C-alpha atoms as a PDB file:
ATOM      1  CA  MET A   1      34.329 -28.958  26.421  1.00  0.00           C
ATOM      2  CA  ASN A   2      35.912 -26.993  29.227  1.00  0.00           C
ATOM      3  CA  SER A   3      35.096 -23.350  29.878  1.00  0.00           C
ATOM      4  CA  ALA A   4      38.291 -21.920  28.340  1.00  0.00           C
ATOM      5  CA  LYS A   5      37.905 -23.924  25.120  1.00  0.00           C
ATOM      6  CA  LYS A   6      34.238 -23.012  24.890  1.00  0.00           C
ATOM      7  CA  ARG A   7      35.084 -19.310  25.297  1.00  0.00           C
ATOM      8  CA  GLU A   8      37.824 -19.607  22.663  1.00  0.00           C
ATOM      9  CA  ALA A   9      35.367 -21.233  20.248  1.00  0.00           C
ATOM     10  CA  ILE A  10      32.886 -18.413  20.825  1.00  0.00           C
ATOM     11  CA  VAL A  11      35.550 -15.748  20.248  1.00  0.00           C
ATOM     12  CA  THR A  12      36.616 -17.466  17.017  1.00  0.00           C
ATOM     13  CA  ALA A  13      33.023 -17.737  15.803  1.00  0.00           C
ATOM     14  CA  ILE A  14      32.357 -14.079  16.581  1.00  0.00           C
ATOM     15  CA  GLN A  15      35.487 -13.024  14.698  1.00  0.00           C
ATOM     16  CA  LYS A  16      34.320 -14.984  11.645  1.00  0.00           C
ATOM     17  CA  HIS A  17      30.914 -13.300  11.863  1.00  0.00           C
ATOM     18  CA  ILE A  18      32.598  -9.880  12.065  1.00  0.00           C
ATOM     19  CA  GLU A  19      34.758 -10.642   9.020  1.00  0.00           C
ATOM     20  CA  ASN A  20      31.752 -11.898   7.064  1.00  0.00           C
ATOM     21  CA  ALA A  21      29.699  -8.840   8.037  1.00  0.00           C
ATOM     22  CA  GLY A  22      32.559  -6.581   6.977  1.00  0.00           C
ATOM     23  CA  ARG A  23      32.746  -8.209   3.542  1.00  0.00           C
ATOM     24  CA  LEU A  24      28.989  -7.830   3.093  1.00  0.00           C
ATOM     25  CA  ALA A  25      29.128  -4.167   4.116  1.00  0.00           C
ATOM     26  CA  GLU A  26      31.939  -3.535   1.597  1.00  0.00           C
ATOM     27  CA  GLN A  27      29.586  -4.931  -1.042  1.00  0.00           C
ATOM     28  CA  LEU A  28      26.897  -2.478   0.183  1.00  0.00           C
ATOM     29  CA  ARG A  29      24.819  -5.401   1.439  1.00  0.00           C
ATOM     30  CA  PHE A  30      24.106  -3.671   4.728  1.00  0.00           C
ATOM     31  CA  SER A  31      20.946  -5.544   5.736  1.00  0.00           C
ATOM     32  CA  GLU A  32      22.691  -8.869   5.318  1.00  0.00           C
ATOM     33  CA  ALA A  33      25.733  -7.616   7.227  1.00  0.00           C
ATOM     34  CA  LEU A  34      23.550  -6.514  10.128  1.00  0.00           C
ATOM     35  CA  ARG A  35      21.752  -9.882  10.132  1.00  0.00           C
ATOM     36  CA  VAL A  36      25.141 -11.595  10.506  1.00  0.00           C
ATOM     37  CA  ILE A  37      25.938  -9.356  13.465  1.00  0.00           C
ATOM     38  CA  THR A  38      22.548 -10.097  15.007  1.00  0.00           C
ATOM     39  CA  ARG A  39      23.257 -13.830  14.784  1.00  0.00           C
ATOM     40  CA  ALA A  40      26.637 -13.283  16.444  1.00  0.00           C
ATOM     41  CA  TYR A  41      25.002 -11.426  19.343  1.00  0.00           C
ATOM     42  CA  VAL A  42      23.376 -14.749  20.283  1.00  0.00           C
ATOM     43  CA  LEU A  43      26.867 -16.010  21.114  1.00  0.00           C
ATOM     44  CA  ASP A  44      27.839 -12.979  23.188  1.00  0.00           C
ATOM     45  CA  PRO A  45      25.281 -10.177  23.551  1.00  0.00           C
ATOM     46  CA  ILE A  46      27.736  -7.733  25.155  1.00  0.00           C
ATOM     47  CA  ASN A  47      30.764  -8.291  22.932  1.00  0.00           C
ATOM     48  CA  GLU A  48      32.457  -4.928  22.316  1.00  0.00           C
ATOM     49  CA  SER A  49      33.912  -5.981  18.959  1.00  0.00           C
ATOM     50  CA  LEU A  50      30.424  -6.833  17.734  1.00  0.00           C
ATOM     51  CA  GLN A  51      29.086  -3.517  18.965  1.00  0.00           C
ATOM     52  CA  ALA A  52      31.892  -1.642  17.202  1.00  0.00           C
ATOM     53  CA  CYS A  53      31.332  -3.585  13.988  1.00  0.00           C
ATOM     54  CA  GLU A  54      27.604  -2.890  14.105  1.00  0.00           C
ATOM     55  CA  LYS A  55      28.275   0.836  14.559  1.00  0.00           C
ATOM     56  CA  ARG A  56      30.670   0.854  11.591  1.00  0.00           C
ATOM     57  CA  ILE A  57      28.122  -0.904   9.383  1.00  0.00           C
ATOM     58  CA  VAL A  58      25.337   1.485  10.379  1.00  0.00           C
ATOM     59  CA  ALA A  59      27.615   4.472   9.708  1.00  0.00           C
ATOM     60  CA  LEU A  60      28.568   3.076   6.290  1.00  0.00           C
ATOM     61  CA  GLN A  61      24.907   2.462   5.514  1.00  0.00           C
ATOM     62  CA  GLU A  62      23.963   6.018   6.473  1.00  0.00           C
ATOM     63  CA  GLU A  63      26.807   7.440   4.373  1.00  0.00           C
ATOM     64  CA  SER A  64      25.772   5.303   1.409  1.00  0.00           C
ATOM     65  CA  LEU A  65      22.155   6.450   1.709  1.00  0.00           C
ATOM     66  CA  LEU A  66      23.271  10.069   1.926  1.00  0.00           C
ATOM     67  CA  GLN A  67      25.408   9.718  -1.202  1.00  0.00           C
ATOM     68  CA  MET A  68      22.530   8.070  -3.062  1.00  0.00           C
ATOM     69  CA  GLU A  69      20.199  10.918  -2.035  1.00  0.00           C
ATOM     70  CA  ILE A  70      22.715  13.535  -3.186  1.00  0.00           C
ATOM     71  CA  GLN A  71      23.062  11.764  -6.532  1.00  0.00           C
ATOM     72  CA  ARG A  72      19.281  11.470  -6.892  1.00  0.00           C
ATOM     73  CA  ARG A  73      18.860  15.205  -6.228  1.00  0.00           C
ATOM     74  CA  GLU A  74      21.589  16.105  -8.719  1.00  0.00           C
ATOM     75  CA  GLU A  75      19.974  13.930 -11.372  1.00  0.00           C
ATOM     76  CA  GLU A  76      16.552  15.433 -10.644  1.00  0.00           C
ATOM     77  CA  GLU A  77      17.992  18.945 -10.870  1.00  0.00           C
ATOM     78  CA  TYR A  78      19.656  18.044 -14.158  1.00  0.00           C
ATOM     79  CA  ARG A  79      16.359  16.747 -15.593  1.00  0.00           C
ATOM     80  CA  THR A  80      14.418  19.859 -14.575  1.00  0.00           C
ATOM     81  CA  GLN A  81      16.828  22.484 -15.943  1.00  0.00           C
ATOM     82  CA  THR A  82      15.801  24.509 -18.976  1.00  0.00           C
ATOM     83  CA  PRO A  83      16.444  22.582 -22.216  1.00  0.00           C
ATOM     84  CA  GLY A  84      19.573  23.773 -23.981  1.00  0.00           C
ATOM     85  CA  ARG A  85      21.128  25.002 -20.739  1.00  0.00           C
ATOM     86  CA  ARG A  86      21.540  21.669 -18.989  1.00  0.00           C
ATOM     87  CA  ILE A  87      24.723  21.067 -17.085  1.00  0.00           C
ATOM     88  CA  ALA A  88      25.605  17.479 -16.267  1.00  0.00           C
ATOM     89  CA  PRO A  89      25.621  16.571 -12.534  1.00  0.00           C
ATOM     90  CA  ASP A  90      29.346  15.952 -12.746  1.00  0.00           C
ATOM     91  CA  GLY A  91      29.866  19.520 -13.942  1.00  0.00           C
ATOM     92  CA  ALA A  92      30.969  18.414 -17.396  1.00  0.00           C
ATOM     93  CA  GLY A  93      29.744  21.205 -19.640  1.00  0.00           C
ATOM     94  CA  ARG A  94      26.474  21.836 -21.384  1.00  0.00           C
ATOM     95  CA  THR A  95      24.426  19.473 -23.508  1.00  0.00           C
END
């Protein structure tokens, strides 16, 4: 395989890895998505598209973790309020 065809094959493979990682991240399967990116780095360790994809996945993961922590705190606050004066975390009235 000549150099140009080999490079084209690598670019195509990396793009497929990026697409697969993106689908996994959309499903909140961040660890799997990052493993896909890690495998793609073997093909081209300095690929800017891979680096950008990895940054997006990490940012999505951090945002997801933050949202989960906020929800956990709201639920904990709801459970610890005085009985009879509880207000649902979504602000929907008293129970």
